[in-house]
Amino acid sequence: MKITDRELERLGELANIDIDPYSREKLIMEMPRILEFVEKVQNAVILEEADETGPEGSAADMREDLPAICLDRDVVLGQAPDSHKGHFRVPPVIDGDRA
């Protein structure tokens, strides 16, 4: 399946990423292989049902979720580098206008 330049542009918009011209040409050429791989993964047959809890153990090994005493909000926020109106304030981690 060949992907057009317009389709790649739309994918970039949906993913909220800018694709430079060099990468655009490379992606257009590689996209059929990527889509073929995704299709193979989607059509893969799962031979054995995996344990839902992962490798650590079964659901029976999990502890009961019980309420417990929490830390005092004012004490914790008082130790934070920055807070505002009862919440932690963190610096932005994404550059640019989109944040």
PDB file of N, CA and C in Angstrom:
ATOM      1  N   MET A   1       0.842  -1.177   0.000  1.00  0.00           N
ATOM      2  CA  MET A   1       0.000   0.000   0.000  1.00  0.00           C
ATOM      3  C   MET A   1       0.893   1.248   0.000  1.00  0.00           C
ATOM      4  N   LYS A   2       0.823   2.013  -1.031  1.00  0.00           N
ATOM      5  CA  LYS A   2       1.621   3.234  -1.128  1.00  0.00           C
ATOM      6  C   LYS A   2       0.884   4.362  -0.413  1.00  0.00           C
ATOM      7  N   ILE A   3       1.634   5.152   0.313  1.00  0.00           N
ATOM      8  CA  ILE A   3       1.058   6.283   1.032  1.00  0.00           C
ATOM      9  C   ILE A   3       1.412   7.561   0.290  1.00  0.00           C
ATOM     10  N   THR A   4       0.464   8.463   0.200  1.00  0.00           N
ATOM     11  CA  THR A   4       0.700   9.713  -0.511  1.00  0.00           C
ATOM     12  C   THR A   4       1.289  10.757   0.442  1.00  0.00           C
ATOM     13  N   ASP A   5       1.817  11.809  -0.159  1.00  0.00           N
ATOM     14  CA  ASP A   5       2.376  12.905   0.626  1.00  0.00           C
ATOM     15  C   ASP A   5       1.286  13.535   1.494  1.00  0.00           C
ATOM     16  N   ARG A   6       0.095  13.669   0.950  1.00  0.00           N
ATOM     17  CA  ARG A   6      -1.026  14.252   1.716  1.00  0.00           C
ATOM     18  C   ARG A   6      -1.400  13.359   2.899  1.00  0.00           C
ATOM     19  N   GLU A   7      -1.421  12.038   2.693  1.00  0.00           N
ATOM     20  CA  GLU A   7      -1.735  11.120   3.800  1.00  0.00           C
ATOM     21  C   GLU A   7      -0.684  11.218   4.897  1.00  0.00           C
ATOM     22  N   LEU A   8       0.573  11.318   4.517  1.00  0.00           N
ATOM     23  CA  LEU A   8       1.642  11.464   5.503  1.00  0.00           C
ATOM     24  C   LEU A   8       1.513  12.792   6.241  1.00  0.00           C
ATOM     25  N   GLU A   9       1.138  13.847   5.522  1.00  0.00           N
ATOM     26  CA  GLU A   9       0.928  15.146   6.158  1.00  0.00           C
ATOM     27  C   GLU A   9      -0.198  15.050   7.193  1.00  0.00           C
ATOM     28  N   ARG A  10      -1.265  14.351   6.846  1.00  0.00           N
ATOM     29  CA  ARG A  10      -2.402  14.184   7.773  1.00  0.00           C
ATOM     30  C   ARG A  10      -1.986  13.361   8.992  1.00  0.00           C
ATOM     31  N   LEU A  11      -1.185  12.315   8.791  1.00  0.00           N
ATOM     32  CA  LEU A  11      -0.680  11.528   9.920  1.00  0.00           C
ATOM     33  C   LEU A  11       0.153  12.394  10.856  1.00  0.00           C
ATOM     34  N   GLY A  12       0.974  13.258  10.281  1.00  0.00           N
ATOM     35  CA  GLY A  12       1.771  14.183  11.085  1.00  0.00           C
ATOM     36  C   GLY A  12       0.898  15.113  11.897  1.00  0.00           C
ATOM     37  N   GLU A  13      -0.199  15.598  11.291  1.00  0.00           N
ATOM     38  CA  GLU A  13      -1.134  16.458  12.007  1.00  0.00           C
ATOM     39  C   GLU A  13      -1.793  15.698  13.162  1.00  0.00           C
ATOM     40  N   LEU A  14      -2.221  14.480  12.890  1.00  0.00           N
ATOM     41  CA  LEU A  14      -2.876  13.676  13.928  1.00  0.00           C
ATOM     42  C   LEU A  14      -1.926  13.350  15.074  1.00  0.00           C
ATOM     43  N   ALA A  15      -0.648  13.110  14.745  1.00  0.00           N
ATOM     44  CA  ALA A  15       0.350  12.783  15.764  1.00  0.00           C
ATOM     45  C   ALA A  15       0.958  14.044  16.382  1.00  0.00           C
ATOM     46  N   ASN A  16       0.575  15.196  15.838  1.00  0.00           N
ATOM     47  CA  ASN A  16       1.064  16.480  16.334  1.00  0.00           C
ATOM     48  C   ASN A  16       2.590  16.565  16.253  1.00  0.00           C
ATOM     49  N   ILE A  17       3.122  16.131  15.104  1.00  0.00           N
ATOM     50  CA  ILE A  17       4.574  16.201  14.885  1.00  0.00           C
ATOM     51  C   ILE A  17       4.853  16.874  13.550  1.00  0.00           C
ATOM     52  N   ASP A  18       5.985  17.541  13.471  1.00  0.00           N
ATOM     53  CA  ASP A  18       6.447  18.130  12.217  1.00  0.00           C
ATOM     54  C   ASP A  18       7.410  17.142  11.563  1.00  0.00           C
ATOM     55  N   ILE A  19       7.195  16.896  10.287  1.00  0.00           N
ATOM     56  CA  ILE A  19       8.069  15.978   9.554  1.00  0.00           C
ATOM     57  C   ILE A  19       8.873  16.802   8.557  1.00  0.00           C
ATOM     58  N   ASP A  20      10.187  16.818   8.736  1.00  0.00           N
ATOM     59  CA  ASP A  20      11.031  17.607   7.842  1.00  0.00           C
ATOM     60  C   ASP A  20      11.062  16.956   6.458  1.00  0.00           C
ATOM     61  N   PRO A  21      11.414  17.710   5.420  1.00  0.00           N
ATOM     62  CA  PRO A  21      11.376  17.190   4.040  1.00  0.00           C
ATOM     63  C   PRO A  21      12.196  15.910   3.831  1.00  0.00           C
ATOM     64  N   TYR A  22      13.383  15.815   4.439  1.00  0.00           N
ATOM     65  CA  TYR A  22      14.190  14.608   4.271  1.00  0.00           C
ATOM     66  C   TYR A  22      13.474  13.398   4.873  1.00  0.00           C
ATOM     67  N   SER A  23      12.951  13.569   6.062  1.00  0.00           N
ATOM     68  CA  SER A  23      12.241  12.468   6.725  1.00  0.00           C
ATOM     69  C   SER A  23      10.961  12.115   5.980  1.00  0.00           C
ATOM     70  N   ARG A  24      10.310  13.105   5.397  1.00  0.00           N
ATOM     71  CA  ARG A  24       9.062  12.872   4.670  1.00  0.00           C
ATOM     72  C   ARG A  24       9.283  11.889   3.512  1.00  0.00           C
ATOM     73  N   GLU A  25      10.305  12.128   2.716  1.00  0.00           N
ATOM     74  CA  GLU A  25      10.590  11.239   1.586  1.00  0.00           C
ATOM     75  C   GLU A  25      10.927   9.835   2.071  1.00  0.00           C
ATOM     76  N   LYS A  26      11.720   9.758   3.132  1.00  0.00           N
ATOM     77  CA  LYS A  26      12.116   8.461   3.682  1.00  0.00           C
ATOM     78  C   LYS A  26      10.898   7.715   4.232  1.00  0.00           C
ATOM     79  N   LEU A  27      10.029   8.430   4.953  1.00  0.00           N
ATOM     80  CA  LEU A  27       8.837   7.798   5.524  1.00  0.00           C
ATOM     81  C   LEU A  27       7.882   7.313   4.440  1.00  0.00           C
ATOM     82  N   ILE A  28       7.718   8.089   3.377  1.00  0.00           N
ATOM     83  CA  ILE A  28       6.835   7.668   2.284  1.00  0.00           C
ATOM     84  C   ILE A  28       7.332   6.359   1.683  1.00  0.00           C
ATOM     85  N   MET A  29       8.638   6.203   1.591  1.00  0.00           N
ATOM     86  CA  MET A  29       9.196   4.968   1.037  1.00  0.00           C
ATOM     87  C   MET A  29       9.086   3.802   2.024  1.00  0.00           C
ATOM     88  N   GLU A  30       9.221   4.071   3.332  1.00  0.00           N
ATOM     89  CA  GLU A  30       9.207   3.006   4.339  1.00  0.00           C
ATOM     90  C   GLU A  30       7.816   2.654   4.846  1.00  0.00           C
ATOM     91  N   MET A  31       6.852   3.540   4.647  1.00  0.00           N
ATOM     92  CA  MET A  31       5.525   3.327   5.207  1.00  0.00           C
ATOM     93  C   MET A  31       4.858   2.024   4.757  1.00  0.00           C
ATOM     94  N   PRO A  32       4.973   1.595   3.497  1.00  0.00           N
ATOM     95  CA  PRO A  32       4.359   0.311   3.129  1.00  0.00           C
ATOM     96  C   PRO A  32       4.880  -0.859   3.978  1.00  0.00           C
ATOM     97  N   ARG A  33       6.189  -0.873   4.282  1.00  0.00           N
ATOM     98  CA  ARG A  33       6.750  -1.946   5.117  1.00  0.00           C
ATOM     99  C   ARG A  33       6.229  -1.842   6.549  1.00  0.00           C
ATOM    100  N   ILE A  34       6.107  -0.619   7.051  1.00  0.00           N
ATOM    101  CA  ILE A  34       5.590  -0.412   8.404  1.00  0.00           C
ATOM    102  C   ILE A  34       4.149  -0.901   8.484  1.00  0.00           C
ATOM    103  N   LEU A  35       3.323  -0.523   7.507  1.00  0.00           N
ATOM    104  CA  LEU A  35       1.920  -0.938   7.498  1.00  0.00           C
ATOM    105  C   LEU A  35       1.780  -2.450   7.339  1.00  0.00           C
ATOM    106  N   GLU A  36       2.641  -3.045   6.552  1.00  0.00           N
ATOM    107  CA  GLU A  36       2.630  -4.504   6.381  1.00  0.00           C
ATOM    108  C   GLU A  36       2.936  -5.192   7.712  1.00  0.00           C
ATOM    109  N   PHE A  37       3.910  -4.668   8.442  1.00  0.00           N
ATOM    110  CA  PHE A  37       4.256  -5.232   9.749  1.00  0.00           C
ATOM    111  C   PHE A  37       3.090  -5.089  10.723  1.00  0.00           C
ATOM    112  N   VAL A  38       2.462  -3.926  10.753  1.00  0.00           N
ATOM    113  CA  VAL A  38       1.318  -3.705  11.651  1.00  0.00           C
ATOM    114  C   VAL A  38       0.195  -4.680  11.322  1.00  0.00           C
ATOM    115  N   GLU A  39      -0.042  -4.910  10.044  1.00  0.00           N
ATOM    116  CA  GLU A  39      -1.081  -5.853   9.636  1.00  0.00           C
ATOM    117  C   GLU A  39      -0.752  -7.270  10.111  1.00  0.00           C
ATOM    118  N   LYS A  40       0.512  -7.674  10.008  1.00  0.00           N
ATOM    119  CA  LYS A  40       0.922  -8.997  10.486  1.00  0.00           C
ATOM    120  C   LYS A  40       0.694  -9.118  11.994  1.00  0.00           C
ATOM    121  N   VAL A  41       1.027  -8.076  12.730  1.00  0.00           N
ATOM    122  CA  VAL A  41       0.832  -8.098  14.185  1.00  0.00           C
ATOM    123  C   VAL A  41      -0.653  -8.196  14.518  1.00  0.00           C
ATOM    124  N   GLN A  42      -1.491  -7.438  13.807  1.00  0.00           N
ATOM    125  CA  GLN A  42      -2.932  -7.478  14.057  1.00  0.00           C
ATOM    126  C   GLN A  42      -3.525  -8.848  13.760  1.00  0.00           C
ATOM    127  N   ASN A  43      -2.979  -9.530  12.778  1.00  0.00           N
ATOM    128  CA  ASN A  43      -3.509 -10.833  12.377  1.00  0.00           C
ATOM    129  C   ASN A  43      -2.842 -12.002  13.095  1.00  0.00           C
ATOM    130  N   ALA A  44      -1.917 -11.719  13.976  1.00  0.00           N
ATOM    131  CA  ALA A  44      -1.206 -12.784  14.676  1.00  0.00           C
ATOM    132  C   ALA A  44      -2.183 -13.581  15.540  1.00  0.00           C
ATOM    133  N   VAL A  45      -1.976 -14.874  15.569  1.00  0.00           N
ATOM    134  CA  VAL A  45      -2.806 -15.758  16.376  1.00  0.00           C
ATOM    135  C   VAL A  45      -2.113 -15.964  17.714  1.00  0.00           C
ATOM    136  N   ILE A  46      -2.844 -15.723  18.774  1.00  0.00           N
ATOM    137  CA  ILE A  46      -2.290 -15.940  20.107  1.00  0.00           C
ATOM    138  C   ILE A  46      -2.562 -17.392  20.475  1.00  0.00           C
ATOM    139  N   LEU A  47      -1.487 -18.144  20.690  1.00  0.00           N
ATOM    140  CA  LEU A  47      -1.622 -19.571  20.936  1.00  0.00           C
ATOM    141  C   LEU A  47      -1.952 -19.893  22.386  1.00  0.00           C
ATOM    142  N   GLU A  48      -1.516 -19.055  23.306  1.00  0.00           N
ATOM    143  CA  GLU A  48      -1.721 -19.330  24.716  1.00  0.00           C
ATOM    144  C   GLU A  48      -2.152 -18.052  25.403  1.00  0.00           C
ATOM    145  N   GLU A  49      -3.201 -18.159  26.203  1.00  0.00           N
ATOM    146  CA  GLU A  49      -3.673 -16.974  26.906  1.00  0.00           C
ATOM    147  C   GLU A  49      -2.696 -16.628  28.022  1.00  0.00           C
ATOM    148  N   ALA A  50      -2.236 -15.398  28.027  1.00  0.00           N
ATOM    149  CA  ALA A  50      -1.270 -14.961  29.026  1.00  0.00           C
ATOM    150  C   ALA A  50      -1.964 -14.672  30.351  1.00  0.00           C
ATOM    151  N   ASP A  51      -1.239 -14.841  31.423  1.00  0.00           N
ATOM    152  CA  ASP A  51      -1.727 -14.499  32.748  1.00  0.00           C
ATOM    153  C   ASP A  51      -1.922 -12.986  32.792  1.00  0.00           C
ATOM    154  N   GLU A  52      -3.095 -12.537  33.197  1.00  0.00           N
ATOM    155  CA  GLU A  52      -3.419 -11.117  33.160  1.00  0.00           C
ATOM    156  C   GLU A  52      -2.588 -10.284  34.124  1.00  0.00           C
ATOM    157  N   THR A  53      -2.032 -10.873  35.133  1.00  0.00           N
ATOM    158  CA  THR A  53      -1.283 -10.095  36.112  1.00  0.00           C
ATOM    159  C   THR A  53       0.189  -9.987  35.764  1.00  0.00           C
ATOM    160  N   GLY A  54       0.638 -10.657  34.740  1.00  0.00           N
ATOM    161  CA  GLY A  54       2.037 -10.579  34.350  1.00  0.00           C
ATOM    162  C   GLY A  54       2.862 -11.672  34.993  1.00  0.00           C
ATOM    163  N   PRO A  55       4.179 -11.555  34.893  1.00  0.00           N
ATOM    164  CA  PRO A  55       5.055 -12.625  35.344  1.00  0.00           C
ATOM    165  C   PRO A  55       5.151 -12.759  36.865  1.00  0.00           C
ATOM    166  N   GLU A  56       4.685 -11.764  37.618  1.00  0.00           N
ATOM    167  CA  GLU A  56       4.864 -11.805  39.068  1.00  0.00           C
ATOM    168  C   GLU A  56       3.975 -12.841  39.761  1.00  0.00           C
ATOM    169  N   GLY A  57       2.854 -13.158  39.204  1.00  0.00           N
ATOM    170  CA  GLY A  57       1.977 -14.125  39.845  1.00  0.00           C
ATOM    171  C   GLY A  57       0.550 -13.995  39.356  1.00  0.00           C
ATOM    172  N   SER A  58      -0.321 -14.759  39.953  1.00  0.00           N
ATOM    173  CA  SER A  58      -1.712 -14.746  39.530  1.00  0.00           C
ATOM    174  C   SER A  58      -2.492 -13.689  40.306  1.00  0.00           C
ATOM    175  N   ALA A  59      -3.743 -13.493  39.907  1.00  0.00           N
ATOM    176  CA  ALA A  59      -4.590 -12.501  40.573  1.00  0.00           C
ATOM    177  C   ALA A  59      -4.806 -12.868  42.040  1.00  0.00           C
ATOM    178  N   ALA A  60      -4.751 -14.157  42.367  1.00  0.00           N
ATOM    179  CA  ALA A  60      -4.947 -14.595  43.749  1.00  0.00           C
ATOM    180  C   ALA A  60      -3.810 -14.125  44.660  1.00  0.00           C
ATOM    181  N   ASP A  61      -2.645 -13.828  44.088  1.00  0.00           N
ATOM    182  CA  ASP A  61      -1.495 -13.381  44.870  1.00  0.00           C
ATOM    183  C   ASP A  61      -1.548 -11.901  45.225  1.00  0.00           C
ATOM    184  N   MET A  62      -2.500 -11.179  44.667  1.00  0.00           N
ATOM    185  CA  MET A  62      -2.563  -9.739  44.892  1.00  0.00           C
ATOM    186  C   MET A  62      -3.214  -9.441  46.238  1.00  0.00           C
ATOM    187  N   ARG A  63      -2.744  -8.392  46.892  1.00  0.00           N
ATOM    188  CA  ARG A  63      -3.295  -8.016  48.186  1.00  0.00           C
ATOM    189  C   ARG A  63      -4.596  -7.249  47.982  1.00  0.00           C
ATOM    190  N   GLU A  64      -5.404  -7.238  49.009  1.00  0.00           N
ATOM    191  CA  GLU A  64      -6.647  -6.492  48.967  1.00  0.00           C
ATOM    192  C   GLU A  64      -6.324  -4.995  49.061  1.00  0.00           C
ATOM    193  N   ASP A  65      -7.058  -4.202  48.336  1.00  0.00           N
ATOM    194  CA  ASP A  65      -6.855  -2.759  48.337  1.00  0.00           C
ATOM    195  C   ASP A  65      -7.670  -2.151  49.474  1.00  0.00           C
ATOM    196  N   LEU A  66      -6.980  -1.711  50.514  1.00  0.00           N
ATOM    197  CA  LEU A  66      -7.641  -1.163  51.687  1.00  0.00           C
ATOM    198  C   LEU A  66      -7.249   0.296  51.885  1.00  0.00           C
ATOM    199  N   PRO A  67      -8.184   1.124  52.354  1.00  0.00           N
ATOM    200  CA  PRO A  67      -7.818   2.510  52.640  1.00  0.00           C
ATOM    201  C   PRO A  67      -6.814   2.578  53.775  1.00  0.00           C
ATOM    202  N   ALA A  68      -5.925   3.554  53.717  1.00  0.00           N
ATOM    203  CA  ALA A  68      -4.911   3.712  54.743  1.00  0.00           C
ATOM    204  C   ALA A  68      -4.708   5.197  55.012  1.00  0.00           C
ATOM    205  N   ILE A  69      -3.975   5.496  56.058  1.00  0.00           N
ATOM    206  CA  ILE A  69      -3.684   6.874  56.408  1.00  0.00           C
ATOM    207  C   ILE A  69      -2.766   7.473  55.339  1.00  0.00           C
ATOM    208  N   CYS A  70      -3.121   8.658  54.867  1.00  0.00           N
ATOM    209  CA  CYS A  70      -2.333   9.342  53.839  1.00  0.00           C
ATOM    210  C   CYS A  70      -1.469  10.419  54.482  1.00  0.00           C
ATOM    211  N   LEU A  71      -0.517  10.889  53.730  1.00  0.00           N
ATOM    212  CA  LEU A  71       0.299  12.005  54.174  1.00  0.00           C
ATOM    213  C   LEU A  71      -0.547  13.275  54.174  1.00  0.00           C
ATOM    214  N   ASP A  72      -0.236  14.191  55.056  1.00  0.00           N
ATOM    215  CA  ASP A  72      -0.943  15.454  55.118  1.00  0.00           C
ATOM    216  C   ASP A  72      -0.584  16.300  53.902  1.00  0.00           C
ATOM    217  N   ARG A  73      -1.597  16.770  53.197  1.00  0.00           N
ATOM    218  CA  ARG A  73      -1.397  17.534  51.965  1.00  0.00           C
ATOM    219  C   ARG A  73      -0.515  18.760  52.185  1.00  0.00           C
ATOM    220  N   ASP A  74      -0.788  19.530  53.229  1.00  0.00           N
ATOM    221  CA  ASP A  74      -0.014  20.748  53.474  1.00  0.00           C
ATOM    222  C   ASP A  74       1.454  20.443  53.754  1.00  0.00           C
ATOM    223  N   VAL A  75       1.719  19.348  54.458  1.00  0.00           N
ATOM    224  CA  VAL A  75       3.097  18.970  54.761  1.00  0.00           C
ATOM    225  C   VAL A  75       3.826  18.598  53.474  1.00  0.00           C
ATOM    226  N   VAL A  76       3.172  17.791  52.643  1.00  0.00           N
ATOM    227  CA  VAL A  76       3.799  17.344  51.396  1.00  0.00           C
ATOM    228  C   VAL A  76       4.016  18.530  50.459  1.00  0.00           C
ATOM    229  N   LEU A  77       2.989  19.367  50.284  1.00  0.00           N
ATOM    230  CA  LEU A  77       3.132  20.522  49.404  1.00  0.00           C
ATOM    231  C   LEU A  77       4.167  21.508  49.933  1.00  0.00           C
ATOM    232  N   GLY A  78       4.330  21.568  51.248  1.00  0.00           N
ATOM    233  CA  GLY A  78       5.343  22.428  51.839  1.00  0.00           C
ATOM    234  C   GLY A  78       6.753  21.982  51.503  1.00  0.00           C
ATOM    235  N   GLN A  79       6.933  20.709  51.175  1.00  0.00           N
ATOM    236  CA  GLN A  79       8.248  20.187  50.807  1.00  0.00           C
ATOM    237  C   GLN A  79       8.494  20.232  49.299  1.00  0.00           C
ATOM    238  N   ALA A  80       7.454  20.569  48.541  1.00  0.00           N
ATOM    239  CA  ALA A  80       7.581  20.616  47.080  1.00  0.00           C
ATOM    240  C   ALA A  80       8.361  21.851  46.660  1.00  0.00           C
ATOM    241  N   PRO A  81       9.140  21.746  45.575  1.00  0.00           N
ATOM    242  CA  PRO A  81       9.873  22.911  45.086  1.00  0.00           C
ATOM    243  C   PRO A  81       8.940  24.055  44.679  1.00  0.00           C
ATOM    244  N   ASP A  82       7.731  23.699  44.166  1.00  0.00           N
ATOM    245  CA  ASP A  82       6.783  24.721  43.733  1.00  0.00           C
ATOM    246  C   ASP A  82       5.375  24.133  43.812  1.00  0.00           C
ATOM    247  N   SER A  83       4.435  24.918  44.327  1.00  0.00           N
ATOM    248  CA  SER A  83       3.041  24.486  44.380  1.00  0.00           C
ATOM    249  C   SER A  83       2.154  25.690  44.148  1.00  0.00           C
ATOM    250  N   HIS A  84       0.884  25.408  43.802  1.00  0.00           N
ATOM    251  CA  HIS A  84      -0.064  26.478  43.518  1.00  0.00           C
ATOM    252  C   HIS A  84      -1.473  25.969  43.801  1.00  0.00           C
ATOM    253  N   LYS A  85      -2.185  26.629  44.681  1.00  0.00           N
ATOM    254  CA  LYS A  85      -3.572  26.306  45.015  1.00  0.00           C
ATOM    255  C   LYS A  85      -3.767  24.826  45.344  1.00  0.00           C
ATOM    256  N   GLY A  86      -2.896  24.272  46.169  1.00  0.00           N
ATOM    257  CA  GLY A  86      -3.057  22.897  46.625  1.00  0.00           C
ATOM    258  C   GLY A  86      -2.573  21.821  45.675  1.00  0.00           C
ATOM    259  N   HIS A  87      -1.838  22.194  44.647  1.00  0.00           N
ATOM    260  CA  HIS A  87      -1.337  21.229  43.663  1.00  0.00           C
ATOM    261  C   HIS A  87       0.161  21.431  43.461  1.00  0.00           C
ATOM    262  N   PHE A  88       0.843  20.350  43.049  1.00  0.00           N
ATOM    263  CA  PHE A  88       2.242  20.467  42.665  1.00  0.00           C
ATOM    264  C   PHE A  88       2.315  21.250  41.365  1.00  0.00           C
ATOM    265  N   ARG A  89       3.296  22.105  41.241  1.00  0.00           N
ATOM    266  CA  ARG A  89       3.533  22.819  39.995  1.00  0.00           C
ATOM    267  C   ARG A  89       4.851  22.285  39.441  1.00  0.00           C
ATOM    268  N   VAL A  90       4.805  21.824  38.190  1.00  0.00           N
ATOM    269  CA  VAL A  90       6.002  21.276  37.557  1.00  0.00           C
ATOM    270  C   VAL A  90       6.341  22.117  36.330  1.00  0.00           C
ATOM    271  N   PRO A  91       7.623  22.191  35.984  1.00  0.00           N
ATOM    272  CA  PRO A  91       7.999  22.971  34.801  1.00  0.00           C
ATOM    273  C   PRO A  91       7.512  22.264  33.541  1.00  0.00           C
ATOM    274  N   PRO A  92       7.288  23.035  32.481  1.00  0.00           N
ATOM    275  CA  PRO A  92       6.855  22.408  31.215  1.00  0.00           C
ATOM    276  C   PRO A  92       7.928  21.468  30.687  1.00  0.00           C
ATOM    277  N   VAL A  93       7.490  20.369  30.082  1.00  0.00           N
ATOM    278  CA  VAL A  93       8.443  19.383  29.550  1.00  0.00           C
ATOM    279  C   VAL A  93       8.406  19.337  28.027  1.00  0.00           C
ATOM    280  N   ILE A  94       7.509  20.113  27.424  1.00  0.00           N
ATOM    281  CA  ILE A  94       7.396  20.139  25.959  1.00  0.00           C
ATOM    282  C   ILE A  94       7.736  21.541  25.498  1.00  0.00           C
ATOM    283  N   ASP A  95       8.655  21.652  24.553  1.00  0.00           N
ATOM    284  CA  ASP A  95       9.022  22.954  24.013  1.00  0.00           C
ATOM    285  C   ASP A  95       8.008  23.383  22.967  1.00  0.00           C
ATOM    286  N   GLY A  96       7.891  24.649  22.765  1.00  0.00           N
ATOM    287  CA  GLY A  96       7.091  25.170  21.670  1.00  0.00           C
ATOM    288  C   GLY A  96       5.746  25.685  22.110  1.00  0.00           C
ATOM    289  N   ASP A  97       4.934  26.035  21.092  1.00  0.00           N
ATOM    290  CA  ASP A  97       3.648  26.655  21.322  1.00  0.00           C
ATOM    291  C   ASP A  97       2.546  25.652  21.641  1.00  0.00           C
ATOM    292  N   ARG A  98       2.769  24.379  21.418  1.00  0.00           N
ATOM    293  CA  ARG A  98       1.711  23.368  21.526  1.00  0.00           C
ATOM    294  C   ARG A  98       1.410  22.954  22.953  1.00  0.00           C
ATOM    295  N   ALA A  99       2.250  23.285  23.904  1.00  0.00           N
ATOM    296  CA  ALA A  99       2.078  22.814  25.278  1.00  0.00           C
ATOM    297  C   ALA A  99       0.829  23.376  25.912  1.00  0.00           C
TER     298      ALA A  99
END
